[in-house]
Structures are given as C-alpha cells and as structure tokens.
C-alpha cells in the first residue's frame, strides 16, 4: 500500500469533524503499512491546515458553485488522477452516499460502504460494516485499486491537532453542474447535524403531542448539547420533522451517546442507531425491545423522568 487519500469535506470553509477523524485513522493505517497520507479538498477551504492532522499533501480543486453530485465526482476524479492512491477514504455523509458511488463507477473499482472499522491485514486495508440493522458484521476487502471505503461519522476518535502544515497542490478540473440551486438556507440550529452528532436525544410517539415533544425532548437535548432526533412514528404523528428522523427511512447515526425517550425499538428504528456507542432507553414498558440493545435502561414514566434528568444536567452545567 502506497498512498491513502482522504476526501475531506467542509461546510463553508470549515472542515467537518469527519475529515479530521478520517485523517487520524488514515495516519494509523499508514503507520501500520508504511504508506503516506494525503487529502483531497473541493472548494475554498484552508487546505494546508490539514497537515496538522497528518496529511503530507493536499490536492485542491477550486470550485465556487453549489454542491452538485456530477461536478463533485468530476472534482474527486481529477484529484485521484493526480494523487494516485491505493486507498480512498470518505465520510458516509451526503456526498459519500451521493457522489462517491459515481466516482467508484468511473474508476471501475470496488467499494466498502458505511464501514465502522478499518484495519490493515496482510498489507491491505479491510473494512467492517454492520448488516441487517447491526445484527451481524461483515469484513470487506476490495481487491481492485484504488480500494474505496465510506466511513460512518464518529466511528473513530478525533486525532490530536499538531503544528504542521501540508503542501497544497492545485488541481485543474472541468466541472459542469447538472443541477441549478435556486436557494440555499442555513440551518437555524447551531447543533451538529444528526449524521455527525456525538450526542442525540430522540423522542417517540409516546410523547403524545408536538407540544410535549418540544417541552421534553428539546430541553433535554439542549442541556446535553445534543442534537434532536425522532422515531418514524413521532414524525408521522407530526411531533417532529423528517430531517430529524432516525431509522431505516430516516438517517443512520453513530453517536457516542443516544438517548431514546418513549421509543419501543422497532427494527426500522434500530437500523438507524444500533451502532451507537452508548444507548440509554427511557420507557415505562419493561418489555420494550429497545431494552435488549440499551447500555442503560430506565423503566419509568418519561413524563416524570425527563424533566428531572434535564434539571439535573442543567445544574451540572
């Protein structure tokens, strides 16, 4: 293995946590195999700063237009042509699900999707990914080159920031957007997006109404500095919006902490959050399936527990 390329995503010039997370893991893999770590950046972002997280070189394509899957694939293909990597790592976020498969098809190579572990085995990088809502795990080895892996955010820890800077190589690419962006709206909340959130508080249909959802779930999330999530049943009932839905037909999350409030734990919901590091379930039904997967469980009335928990967390500061 010679070079590991990390496709580093940013939002408005600020690199996402997933970018530095992947660089840290890439450095670990490169150390085990004797390879080098480089990064790829599309758009206006401080590319040289990625050297502080292990990138020896950053290949950057200047792009001023809004996100477009075809244009992003074009940009990444130009970066790959110059970097000539044997392994490519990208976040399994929006672009990783939308544009990365286009790149893989263009390169005629193979891909391991949404892996949560990576290791070097016999000189090759091997990924491990959950299947059937996390009931089993499969090891994925890509025999073609470059081997491409998309990684669920929060699968690895954040590396310590160093003091180095990376050499930046400007890459020319002809980008033709296939879509037209009519309007872009910034999120009204300052908390992390569900897909990258380290802490999530999700509410279910047991909340009973949109008012109770807002009265109990959002303050608890605020006290924890967490992102709000919801089950499909809660969204269908109008308690929350679809962008907050966790599950098979919502978003797949992988936080350090997941608090499920009034959620029974149907397989469709577990499919979206089962790989969470710590799961706390609050439900008065002791037979609820969620308790089979919870790290900690509270069998009690959520309307009594959640306000007390919120108050205690606020006192802690």
C-alpha atoms as a PDB file:
ATOM      1  CA  UNK A   1       0.000   0.000   0.000  1.00  0.00           C
ATOM      2  CA  UNK A   2       1.499   3.336  -1.032  1.00  0.00           C
ATOM      3  CA  UNK A   3      -0.907   6.244  -0.508  1.00  0.00           C
ATOM      4  CA  UNK A   4      -4.152   6.742   1.395  1.00  0.00           C
ATOM      5  CA  UNK A   5      -6.313   9.585   0.106  1.00  0.00           C
ATOM      6  CA  UNK A   6      -8.858  11.158   2.450  1.00  0.00           C
ATOM      7  CA  UNK A   7     -11.599  13.128   0.694  1.00  0.00           C
ATOM      8  CA  UNK A   8     -12.017  15.888   3.262  1.00  0.00           C
ATOM      9  CA  UNK A   9     -15.411  17.582   3.319  1.00  0.00           C
ATOM     10  CA  UNK A  10     -16.027  21.070   4.632  1.00  0.00           C
ATOM     11  CA  UNK A  11     -19.006  23.298   5.258  1.00  0.00           C
ATOM     12  CA  UNK A  12     -18.486  26.892   4.190  1.00  0.00           C
ATOM     13  CA  UNK A  13     -14.723  26.564   4.532  1.00  0.00           C
ATOM     14  CA  UNK A  14     -14.763  24.861   7.943  1.00  0.00           C
ATOM     15  CA  UNK A  15     -13.671  21.239   7.780  1.00  0.00           C
ATOM     16  CA  UNK A  16     -16.143  18.746   9.197  1.00  0.00           C
ATOM     17  CA  UNK A  17     -15.151  16.585  12.132  1.00  0.00           C
ATOM     18  CA  UNK A  18     -15.395  13.584   9.853  1.00  0.00           C
ATOM     19  CA  UNK A  19     -12.495  14.967   7.785  1.00  0.00           C
ATOM     20  CA  UNK A  20     -10.040  15.139  10.683  1.00  0.00           C
ATOM     21  CA  UNK A  21     -11.408  11.863  12.092  1.00  0.00           C
ATOM     22  CA  UNK A  22     -10.570  10.090   8.827  1.00  0.00           C
ATOM     23  CA  UNK A  23      -7.137  11.692   8.621  1.00  0.00           C
ATOM     24  CA  UNK A  24      -6.339  10.404  12.088  1.00  0.00           C
ATOM     25  CA  UNK A  25      -7.408   6.888  11.133  1.00  0.00           C
ATOM     26  CA  UNK A  26      -5.554   7.107   7.818  1.00  0.00           C
ATOM     27  CA  UNK A  27      -2.367   8.030   9.688  1.00  0.00           C
ATOM     28  CA  UNK A  28      -2.829   4.955  11.893  1.00  0.00           C
ATOM     29  CA  UNK A  29      -3.320   2.697   8.868  1.00  0.00           C
ATOM     30  CA  UNK A  30      -0.366   4.236   7.044  1.00  0.00           C
ATOM     31  CA  UNK A  31       1.844   3.703  10.070  1.00  0.00           C
ATOM     32  CA  UNK A  32       0.929   0.023  10.082  1.00  0.00           C
ATOM     33  CA  UNK A  33       1.620  -0.409   6.382  1.00  0.00           C
ATOM     34  CA  UNK A  34       4.378   2.086   5.656  1.00  0.00           C
ATOM     35  CA  UNK A  35       2.244   4.292   3.409  1.00  0.00           C
ATOM     36  CA  UNK A  36       1.623   8.032   3.145  1.00  0.00           C
ATOM     37  CA  UNK A  37      -1.479  10.105   3.865  1.00  0.00           C
ATOM     38  CA  UNK A  38      -2.773  12.810   1.531  1.00  0.00           C
ATOM     39  CA  UNK A  39      -6.076  14.677   1.370  1.00  0.00           C
ATOM     40  CA  UNK A  40      -8.401  15.926  -1.327  1.00  0.00           C
ATOM     41  CA  UNK A  41     -10.404  19.146  -0.986  1.00  0.00           C
ATOM     42  CA  UNK A  42     -13.009  20.634  -3.305  1.00  0.00           C
ATOM     43  CA  UNK A  43     -13.760  24.319  -2.902  1.00  0.00           C
ATOM     44  CA  UNK A  44     -12.443  27.191  -0.826  1.00  0.00           C
ATOM     45  CA  UNK A  45     -11.116  25.853   2.465  1.00  0.00           C
ATOM     46  CA  UNK A  46      -7.779  26.148   4.352  1.00  0.00           C
ATOM     47  CA  UNK A  47      -6.294  23.012   2.820  1.00  0.00           C
ATOM     48  CA  UNK A  48      -2.805  23.497   4.306  1.00  0.00           C
ATOM     49  CA  UNK A  49      -4.274  23.211   7.820  1.00  0.00           C
ATOM     50  CA  UNK A  50      -4.956  19.506   7.262  1.00  0.00           C
ATOM     51  CA  UNK A  51      -1.238  18.961   7.724  1.00  0.00           C
ATOM     52  CA  UNK A  52      -1.859  19.353  11.448  1.00  0.00           C
ATOM     53  CA  UNK A  53      -3.856  16.112  11.309  1.00  0.00           C
ATOM     54  CA  UNK A  54      -1.409  14.016   9.317  1.00  0.00           C
ATOM     55  CA  UNK A  55      -1.821  14.964   5.649  1.00  0.00           C
ATOM     56  CA  UNK A  56       1.568  15.369   3.973  1.00  0.00           C
ATOM     57  CA  UNK A  57      -0.008  16.864   0.849  1.00  0.00           C
ATOM     58  CA  UNK A  58      -3.440  18.224  -0.076  1.00  0.00           C
ATOM     59  CA  UNK A  59      -4.809  18.194  -3.628  1.00  0.00           C
ATOM     60  CA  UNK A  60      -7.326  21.017  -4.007  1.00  0.00           C
ATOM     61  CA  UNK A  61      -9.826  21.755  -6.765  1.00  0.00           C
ATOM     62  CA  UNK A  62     -11.148  25.309  -6.823  1.00  0.00           C
ATOM     63  CA  UNK A  63     -14.928  25.316  -7.118  1.00  0.00           C
ATOM     64  CA  UNK A  64     -17.296  28.196  -6.471  1.00  0.00           C
ATOM     65  CA  UNK A  65     -20.650  26.654  -7.421  1.00  0.00           C
ATOM     66  CA  UNK A  66     -23.086  24.938  -5.085  1.00  0.00           C
ATOM     67  CA  UNK A  67     -22.935  21.199  -4.471  1.00  0.00           C
ATOM     68  CA  UNK A  68     -23.716  19.024  -7.474  1.00  0.00           C
ATOM     69  CA  UNK A  69     -23.144  15.261  -7.442  1.00  0.00           C
ATOM     70  CA  UNK A  70     -21.784  15.052 -11.001  1.00  0.00           C
ATOM     71  CA  UNK A  71     -19.459  18.011 -10.510  1.00  0.00           C
ATOM     72  CA  UNK A  72     -18.215  16.615  -7.187  1.00  0.00           C
ATOM     73  CA  UNK A  73     -17.464  13.277  -8.847  1.00  0.00           C
ATOM     74  CA  UNK A  74     -15.567  15.152 -11.578  1.00  0.00           C
ATOM     75  CA  UNK A  75     -13.523  17.029  -8.986  1.00  0.00           C
ATOM     76  CA  UNK A  76     -12.736  13.923  -6.982  1.00  0.00           C
ATOM     77  CA  UNK A  77     -11.749  12.051 -10.158  1.00  0.00           C
ATOM     78  CA  UNK A  78      -9.267  14.811 -11.022  1.00  0.00           C
ATOM     79  CA  UNK A  79      -7.809  14.606  -7.509  1.00  0.00           C
ATOM     80  CA  UNK A  80      -7.482  10.820  -7.703  1.00  0.00           C
ATOM     81  CA  UNK A  81      -5.711  11.098 -11.071  1.00  0.00           C
ATOM     82  CA  UNK A  82      -3.033  13.297  -9.501  1.00  0.00           C
ATOM     83  CA  UNK A  83      -2.764  11.636  -6.108  1.00  0.00           C
ATOM     84  CA  UNK A  84      -2.724   8.071  -7.499  1.00  0.00           C
ATOM     85  CA  UNK A  85      -3.831   6.485  -4.212  1.00  0.00           C
ATOM     86  CA  UNK A  86      -4.198   2.815  -3.418  1.00  0.00           C
ATOM     87  CA  UNK A  87      -6.910   3.503  -0.814  1.00  0.00           C
ATOM     88  CA  UNK A  88      -9.575   6.229  -0.695  1.00  0.00           C
ATOM     89  CA  UNK A  89     -11.490   7.113   2.476  1.00  0.00           C
ATOM     90  CA  UNK A  90     -14.566   9.356   2.605  1.00  0.00           C
ATOM     91  CA  UNK A  91     -17.309  10.102   5.087  1.00  0.00           C
ATOM     92  CA  UNK A  92     -20.578   8.216   4.643  1.00  0.00           C
ATOM     93  CA  UNK A  93     -22.443  11.502   4.727  1.00  0.00           C
ATOM     94  CA  UNK A  94     -24.489  13.090   1.972  1.00  0.00           C
ATOM     95  CA  UNK A  95     -21.680  13.361  -0.583  1.00  0.00           C
ATOM     96  CA  UNK A  96     -20.342   9.956   0.398  1.00  0.00           C
ATOM     97  CA  UNK A  97     -23.696   8.387  -0.448  1.00  0.00           C
ATOM     98  CA  UNK A  98     -24.437  10.536  -3.479  1.00  0.00           C
ATOM     99  CA  UNK A  99     -21.224  11.372  -5.335  1.00  0.00           C
ATOM    100  CA  UNK A 100     -18.805   8.708  -4.122  1.00  0.00           C
ATOM    101  CA  UNK A 101     -20.544   5.789  -5.908  1.00  0.00           C
ATOM    102  CA  UNK A 102     -20.332   7.836  -9.126  1.00  0.00           C
ATOM    103  CA  UNK A 103     -16.590   8.156  -8.599  1.00  0.00           C
ATOM    104  CA  UNK A 104     -16.243   4.434  -7.894  1.00  0.00           C
ATOM    105  CA  UNK A 105     -18.112   3.549 -11.089  1.00  0.00           C
ATOM    106  CA  UNK A 106     -15.936   5.938 -13.044  1.00  0.00           C
ATOM    107  CA  UNK A 107     -12.761   4.416 -11.626  1.00  0.00           C
ATOM    108  CA  UNK A 108     -14.019   0.887 -12.266  1.00  0.00           C
ATOM    109  CA  UNK A 109     -13.062  -0.196  -8.784  1.00  0.00           C
ATOM    110  CA  UNK A 110     -14.783  -1.604  -5.678  1.00  0.00           C
ATOM    111  CA  UNK A 111     -16.209  -0.012  -2.557  1.00  0.00           C
ATOM    112  CA  UNK A 112     -16.965  -0.885   1.052  1.00  0.00           C
ATOM    113  CA  UNK A 113     -19.937   1.227   2.164  1.00  0.00           C
ATOM    114  CA  UNK A 114     -20.603   2.641   5.636  1.00  0.00           C
ATOM    115  CA  UNK A 115     -17.838   0.785   7.430  1.00  0.00           C
ATOM    116  CA  UNK A 116     -17.358   1.374  11.139  1.00  0.00           C
ATOM    117  CA  UNK A 117     -13.920  -0.238  11.474  1.00  0.00           C
ATOM    118  CA  UNK A 118     -10.750  -0.267   9.368  1.00  0.00           C
ATOM    119  CA  UNK A 119      -7.591  -2.286   9.811  1.00  0.00           C
ATOM    120  CA  UNK A 120      -4.542  -3.438   7.866  1.00  0.00           C
ATOM    121  CA  UNK A 121      -4.491  -7.169   7.174  1.00  0.00           C
ATOM    122  CA  UNK A 122      -1.779  -8.710   5.020  1.00  0.00           C
ATOM    123  CA  UNK A 123      -0.804  -5.303   3.680  1.00  0.00           C
ATOM    124  CA  UNK A 124      -4.355  -4.451   2.585  1.00  0.00           C
ATOM    125  CA  UNK A 125      -6.974  -2.281   4.250  1.00  0.00           C
ATOM    126  CA  UNK A 126     -10.020  -4.232   5.402  1.00  0.00           C
ATOM    127  CA  UNK A 127     -13.267  -2.602   6.498  1.00  0.00           C
ATOM    128  CA  UNK A 128     -16.004  -3.937   8.744  1.00  0.00           C
ATOM    129  CA  UNK A 129     -19.597  -2.915   8.198  1.00  0.00           C
ATOM    130  CA  UNK A 130     -22.864  -3.700  10.011  1.00  0.00           C
ATOM    131  CA  UNK A 131     -25.571  -5.664   8.187  1.00  0.00           C
ATOM    132  CA  UNK A 132     -29.225  -6.366   8.994  1.00  0.00           C
ATOM    133  CA  UNK A 133     -29.546  -3.402  11.365  1.00  0.00           C
ATOM    134  CA  UNK A 134     -26.325  -4.309  13.136  1.00  0.00           C
ATOM    135  CA  UNK A 135     -27.244  -7.933  13.861  1.00  0.00           C
ATOM    136  CA  UNK A 136     -24.106  -9.149  12.091  1.00  0.00           C
ATOM    137  CA  UNK A 137     -20.906  -7.604  10.754  1.00  0.00           C
ATOM    138  CA  UNK A 138     -19.097  -8.326   7.510  1.00  0.00           C
ATOM    139  CA  UNK A 139     -15.442  -7.790   6.689  1.00  0.00           C
ATOM    140  CA  UNK A 140     -14.961  -6.096   3.326  1.00  0.00           C
ATOM    141  CA  UNK A 141     -11.773  -6.316   1.303  1.00  0.00           C
ATOM    142  CA  UNK A 142     -11.548  -4.592  -2.077  1.00  0.00           C
ATOM    143  CA  UNK A 143      -9.266  -6.466  -4.481  1.00  0.00           C
ATOM    144  CA  UNK A 144      -9.204  -3.742  -7.152  1.00  0.00           C
ATOM    145  CA  UNK A 145      -7.292  -0.481  -6.839  1.00  0.00           C
ATOM    146  CA  UNK A 146      -7.905   2.046  -5.516  1.00  0.00           C
ATOM    147  CA  UNK A 147      -9.917   0.441  -2.731  1.00  0.00           C
ATOM    148  CA  UNK A 148     -12.674   2.847  -1.673  1.00  0.00           C
ATOM    149  CA  UNK A 149     -14.355   2.961   1.743  1.00  0.00           C
ATOM    150  CA  UNK A 150     -17.073   5.248   3.045  1.00  0.00           C
ATOM    151  CA  UNK A 151     -16.991   5.517   6.838  1.00  0.00           C
ATOM    152  CA  UNK A 152     -19.825   6.320   9.224  1.00  0.00           C
ATOM    153  CA  UNK A 153     -19.029   9.520  11.150  1.00  0.00           C
ATOM    154  CA  UNK A 154     -17.943   9.055  14.784  1.00  0.00           C
ATOM    155  CA  UNK A 155     -16.536   5.592  14.111  1.00  0.00           C
ATOM    156  CA  UNK A 156     -13.108   6.721  15.282  1.00  0.00           C
ATOM    157  CA  UNK A 157     -11.813   9.256  17.765  1.00  0.00           C
ATOM    158  CA  UNK A 158     -10.593  12.722  16.877  1.00  0.00           C
ATOM    159  CA  UNK A 159      -6.798  12.950  16.484  1.00  0.00           C
ATOM    160  CA  UNK A 160      -4.750  15.462  18.430  1.00  0.00           C
ATOM    161  CA  UNK A 161      -4.050  18.602  16.422  1.00  0.00           C
ATOM    162  CA  UNK A 162      -0.391  19.040  15.568  1.00  0.00           C
ATOM    163  CA  UNK A 163       1.508  22.054  14.344  1.00  0.00           C
ATOM    164  CA  UNK A 164       2.413  21.048  10.809  1.00  0.00           C
ATOM    165  CA  UNK A 165       1.074  22.348   7.517  1.00  0.00           C
ATOM    166  CA  UNK A 166       0.608  20.431   4.307  1.00  0.00           C
ATOM    167  CA  UNK A 167       1.836  21.203   0.825  1.00  0.00           C
ATOM    168  CA  UNK A 168      -1.123  22.275  -1.305  1.00  0.00           C
ATOM    169  CA  UNK A 169      -1.283  21.161  -4.933  1.00  0.00           C
ATOM    170  CA  UNK A 170      -3.770  22.971  -7.159  1.00  0.00           C
ATOM    171  CA  UNK A 171      -5.700  20.545  -9.373  1.00  0.00           C
ATOM    172  CA  UNK A 172      -7.409  21.639 -12.569  1.00  0.00           C
ATOM    173  CA  UNK A 173     -10.804  20.119 -13.257  1.00  0.00           C
ATOM    174  CA  UNK A 174     -13.595  20.876 -15.690  1.00  0.00           C
ATOM    175  CA  UNK A 175     -16.741  20.889 -13.597  1.00  0.00           C
ATOM    176  CA  UNK A 176     -20.168  21.004 -15.205  1.00  0.00           C
ATOM    177  CA  UNK A 177     -23.057  21.126 -12.768  1.00  0.00           C
ATOM    178  CA  UNK A 178     -26.154  19.187 -13.823  1.00  0.00           C
ATOM    179  CA  UNK A 179     -28.472  20.922 -11.358  1.00  0.00           C
ATOM    180  CA  UNK A 180     -29.395  24.512 -10.582  1.00  0.00           C
ATOM    181  CA  UNK A 181     -29.596  25.653  -6.971  1.00  0.00           C
ATOM    182  CA  UNK A 182     -32.495  28.057  -6.555  1.00  0.00           C
ATOM    183  CA  UNK A 183     -31.977  28.905  -2.910  1.00  0.00           C
ATOM    184  CA  UNK A 184     -29.731  27.881  -0.035  1.00  0.00           C
ATOM    185  CA  UNK A 185     -30.913  28.150   3.541  1.00  0.00           C
ATOM    186  CA  UNK A 186     -28.621  27.939   6.545  1.00  0.00           C
ATOM    187  CA  UNK A 187     -29.808  25.716   9.397  1.00  0.00           C
ATOM    188  CA  UNK A 188     -31.499  27.585  12.208  1.00  0.00           C
ATOM    189  CA  UNK A 189     -29.831  25.404  14.842  1.00  0.00           C
ATOM    190  CA  UNK A 190     -26.183  25.544  15.842  1.00  0.00           C
ATOM    191  CA  UNK A 191     -26.078  21.889  16.931  1.00  0.00           C
ATOM    192  CA  UNK A 192     -24.391  19.224  14.840  1.00  0.00           C
ATOM    193  CA  UNK A 193     -26.213  17.508  12.000  1.00  0.00           C
ATOM    194  CA  UNK A 194     -27.692  14.149  13.008  1.00  0.00           C
ATOM    195  CA  UNK A 195     -25.282  12.196  10.813  1.00  0.00           C
ATOM    196  CA  UNK A 196     -22.233  13.662  12.589  1.00  0.00           C
ATOM    197  CA  UNK A 197     -23.654  14.347  16.055  1.00  0.00           C
ATOM    198  CA  UNK A 198     -21.811  12.839  19.023  1.00  0.00           C
ATOM    199  CA  UNK A 199     -24.900  13.088  21.251  1.00  0.00           C
ATOM    200  CA  UNK A 200     -28.518  12.554  20.218  1.00  0.00           C
ATOM    201  CA  UNK A 201     -31.783  12.676  22.163  1.00  0.00           C
ATOM    202  CA  UNK A 202     -34.654  11.047  20.250  1.00  0.00           C
ATOM    203  CA  UNK A 203     -38.345  11.043  21.085  1.00  0.00           C
ATOM    204  CA  UNK A 204     -41.068   8.596  20.110  1.00  0.00           C
ATOM    205  CA  UNK A 205     -44.803   8.556  19.713  1.00  0.00           C
ATOM    206  CA  UNK A 206     -45.254   8.057  23.464  1.00  0.00           C
ATOM    207  CA  UNK A 207     -44.667  11.801  23.908  1.00  0.00           C
ATOM    208  CA  UNK A 208     -48.301  12.196  22.879  1.00  0.00           C
ATOM    209  CA  UNK A 209     -48.198  15.544  21.088  1.00  0.00           C
ATOM    210  CA  UNK A 210     -45.905  18.021  19.302  1.00  0.00           C
ATOM    211  CA  UNK A 211     -46.131  20.286  22.351  1.00  0.00           C
ATOM    212  CA  UNK A 212     -44.872  17.572  24.706  1.00  0.00           C
ATOM    213  CA  UNK A 213     -42.125  16.665  22.244  1.00  0.00           C
ATOM    214  CA  UNK A 214     -40.909  20.268  22.265  1.00  0.00           C
ATOM    215  CA  UNK A 215     -41.440  20.596  26.012  1.00  0.00           C
ATOM    216  CA  UNK A 216     -39.443  17.485  26.962  1.00  0.00           C
ATOM    217  CA  UNK A 217     -37.093  16.353  24.170  1.00  0.00           C
ATOM    218  CA  UNK A 218     -35.656  19.677  23.027  1.00  0.00           C
ATOM    219  CA  UNK A 219     -34.768  20.972  26.534  1.00  0.00           C
ATOM    220  CA  UNK A 220     -33.077  17.653  27.393  1.00  0.00           C
ATOM    221  CA  UNK A 221     -31.086  17.821  24.159  1.00  0.00           C
ATOM    222  CA  UNK A 222     -30.174  21.430  24.906  1.00  0.00           C
ATOM    223  CA  UNK A 223     -28.943  20.537  28.397  1.00  0.00           C
ATOM    224  CA  UNK A 224     -26.684  17.876  26.871  1.00  0.00           C
ATOM    225  CA  UNK A 225     -25.538  19.910  23.886  1.00  0.00           C
ATOM    226  CA  UNK A 226     -27.118  17.165  21.814  1.00  0.00           C
ATOM    227  CA  UNK A 227     -28.965  17.005  18.504  1.00  0.00           C
ATOM    228  CA  UNK A 228     -32.676  16.179  18.458  1.00  0.00           C
ATOM    229  CA  UNK A 229     -33.852  13.008  16.757  1.00  0.00           C
ATOM    230  CA  UNK A 230     -37.201  11.280  16.396  1.00  0.00           C
ATOM    231  CA  UNK A 231     -38.689   7.917  15.526  1.00  0.00           C
ATOM    232  CA  UNK A 232     -40.686   7.494  12.336  1.00  0.00           C
ATOM    233  CA  UNK A 233     -43.867   7.156  14.414  1.00  0.00           C
ATOM    234  CA  UNK A 234     -43.180  10.550  16.022  1.00  0.00           C
ATOM    235  CA  UNK A 235     -42.541  12.141  12.643  1.00  0.00           C
ATOM    236  CA  UNK A 236     -45.648  10.565  11.093  1.00  0.00           C
ATOM    237  CA  UNK A 237     -47.677  11.895  14.022  1.00  0.00           C
ATOM    238  CA  UNK A 238     -46.417  15.415  13.344  1.00  0.00           C
ATOM    239  CA  UNK A 239     -44.333  15.764  16.518  1.00  0.00           C
ATOM    240  CA  UNK A 240     -41.126  16.374  14.574  1.00  0.00           C
ATOM    241  CA  UNK A 241     -39.874  16.982  11.032  1.00  0.00           C
ATOM    242  CA  UNK A 242     -38.466  14.350   8.676  1.00  0.00           C
ATOM    243  CA  UNK A 243     -34.964  15.861   8.816  1.00  0.00           C
ATOM    244  CA  UNK A 244     -34.861  14.709  12.462  1.00  0.00           C
ATOM    245  CA  UNK A 245     -35.992  11.149  11.739  1.00  0.00           C
ATOM    246  CA  UNK A 246     -33.639   8.340  12.729  1.00  0.00           C
ATOM    247  CA  UNK A 247     -34.109   4.897  11.248  1.00  0.00           C
ATOM    248  CA  UNK A 248     -34.394   2.853   8.095  1.00  0.00           C
ATOM    249  CA  UNK A 249     -36.353   5.554   6.265  1.00  0.00           C
ATOM    250  CA  UNK A 250     -34.580   8.404   8.038  1.00  0.00           C
ATOM    251  CA  UNK A 251     -30.936   8.982   8.924  1.00  0.00           C
ATOM    252  CA  UNK A 252     -28.375   6.448  10.074  1.00  0.00           C
ATOM    253  CA  UNK A 253     -26.489   7.784  13.081  1.00  0.00           C
ATOM    254  CA  UNK A 254     -23.455   6.639  15.038  1.00  0.00           C
ATOM    255  CA  UNK A 255     -23.123   8.893  18.105  1.00  0.00           C
ATOM    256  CA  UNK A 256     -21.181   8.376  21.310  1.00  0.00           C
ATOM    257  CA  UNK A 257     -24.455   8.748  23.237  1.00  0.00           C
ATOM    258  CA  UNK A 258     -28.010   8.004  22.074  1.00  0.00           C
ATOM    259  CA  UNK A 259     -30.947   8.620  24.415  1.00  0.00           C
ATOM    260  CA  UNK A 260     -34.206   7.024  23.264  1.00  0.00           C
ATOM    261  CA  UNK A 261     -37.228   8.520  25.022  1.00  0.00           C
ATOM    262  CA  UNK A 262     -40.544   6.737  24.624  1.00  0.00           C
ATOM    263  CA  UNK A 263     -39.252   4.657  21.702  1.00  0.00           C
ATOM    264  CA  UNK A 264     -40.173   0.965  21.678  1.00  0.00           C
ATOM    265  CA  UNK A 265     -37.232  -0.090  19.496  1.00  0.00           C
ATOM    266  CA  UNK A 266     -38.817  -1.399  16.308  1.00  0.00           C
ATOM    267  CA  UNK A 267     -36.341  -2.930  13.856  1.00  0.00           C
ATOM    268  CA  UNK A 268     -36.773   0.037  11.498  1.00  0.00           C
ATOM    269  CA  UNK A 269     -35.544   2.406  14.205  1.00  0.00           C
ATOM    270  CA  UNK A 270     -32.740   0.127  15.365  1.00  0.00           C
ATOM    271  CA  UNK A 271     -31.454   0.039  11.798  1.00  0.00           C
ATOM    272  CA  UNK A 272     -30.581   3.710  12.103  1.00  0.00           C
ATOM    273  CA  UNK A 273     -28.963   3.852  15.558  1.00  0.00           C
ATOM    274  CA  UNK A 274     -27.882   0.391  16.643  1.00  0.00           C
ATOM    275  CA  UNK A 275     -24.159   1.132  16.280  1.00  0.00           C
ATOM    276  CA  UNK A 276     -24.342   3.994  18.818  1.00  0.00           C
ATOM    277  CA  UNK A 277     -21.600   3.603  21.424  1.00  0.00           C
ATOM    278  CA  UNK A 278     -23.843   4.114  24.496  1.00  0.00           C
ATOM    279  CA  UNK A 279     -27.635   3.734  24.307  1.00  0.00           C
ATOM    280  CA  UNK A 280     -29.887   4.948  27.116  1.00  0.00           C
ATOM    281  CA  UNK A 281     -33.552   3.925  26.926  1.00  0.00           C
ATOM    282  CA  UNK A 282     -36.366   5.576  28.877  1.00  0.00           C
ATOM    283  CA  UNK A 283     -39.652   3.687  28.637  1.00  0.00           C
ATOM    284  CA  UNK A 284     -42.290   2.555  31.130  1.00  0.00           C
ATOM    285  CA  UNK A 285     -42.765  -0.732  29.246  1.00  0.00           C
ATOM    286  CA  UNK A 286     -40.119  -3.078  30.637  1.00  0.00           C
ATOM    287  CA  UNK A 287     -40.733  -5.448  27.701  1.00  0.00           C
ATOM    288  CA  UNK A 288     -39.933  -2.836  25.039  1.00  0.00           C
ATOM    289  CA  UNK A 289     -37.407  -4.241  22.510  1.00  0.00           C
ATOM    290  CA  UNK A 290     -35.172  -1.175  22.931  1.00  0.00           C
ATOM    291  CA  UNK A 291     -34.027  -2.517  26.320  1.00  0.00           C
ATOM    292  CA  UNK A 292     -32.425  -5.530  24.613  1.00  0.00           C
ATOM    293  CA  UNK A 293     -29.966  -3.151  22.963  1.00  0.00           C
ATOM    294  CA  UNK A 294     -29.640  -0.438  25.609  1.00  0.00           C
ATOM    295  CA  UNK A 295     -26.478   0.075  27.615  1.00  0.00           C
ATOM    296  CA  UNK A 296     -28.583   1.617  30.365  1.00  0.00           C
ATOM    297  CA  UNK A 297     -32.344   1.432  30.811  1.00  0.00           C
ATOM    298  CA  UNK A 298     -34.809   3.436  32.887  1.00  0.00           C
ATOM    299  CA  UNK A 299     -38.182   1.737  33.314  1.00  0.00           C
ATOM    300  CA  UNK A 300     -40.395   4.605  34.408  1.00  0.00           C
ATOM    301  CA  UNK A 301     -42.784   7.293  33.231  1.00  0.00           C
ATOM    302  CA  UNK A 302     -40.903   9.521  30.792  1.00  0.00           C
ATOM    303  CA  UNK A 303     -43.019  12.495  31.834  1.00  0.00           C
ATOM    304  CA  UNK A 304     -41.547  12.140  35.326  1.00  0.00           C
ATOM    305  CA  UNK A 305     -38.004  11.128  34.388  1.00  0.00           C
ATOM    306  CA  UNK A 306     -37.131  13.556  31.579  1.00  0.00           C
ATOM    307  CA  UNK A 307     -37.820  16.833  33.464  1.00  0.00           C
ATOM    308  CA  UNK A 308     -35.760  15.590  36.433  1.00  0.00           C
ATOM    309  CA  UNK A 309     -32.923  14.496  34.153  1.00  0.00           C
ATOM    310  CA  UNK A 310     -32.971  17.832  32.315  1.00  0.00           C
ATOM    311  CA  UNK A 311     -32.907  19.747  35.610  1.00  0.00           C
ATOM    312  CA  UNK A 312     -30.007  17.656  36.942  1.00  0.00           C
ATOM    313  CA  UNK A 313     -27.973  18.151  33.769  1.00  0.00           C
ATOM    314  CA  UNK A 314     -28.531  21.911  33.859  1.00  0.00           C
ATOM    315  CA  UNK A 315     -27.295  22.012  37.454  1.00  0.00           C
ATOM    316  CA  UNK A 316     -24.131  20.173  36.407  1.00  0.00           C
ATOM    317  CA  UNK A 317     -23.545  22.919  33.985  1.00  0.00           C
END
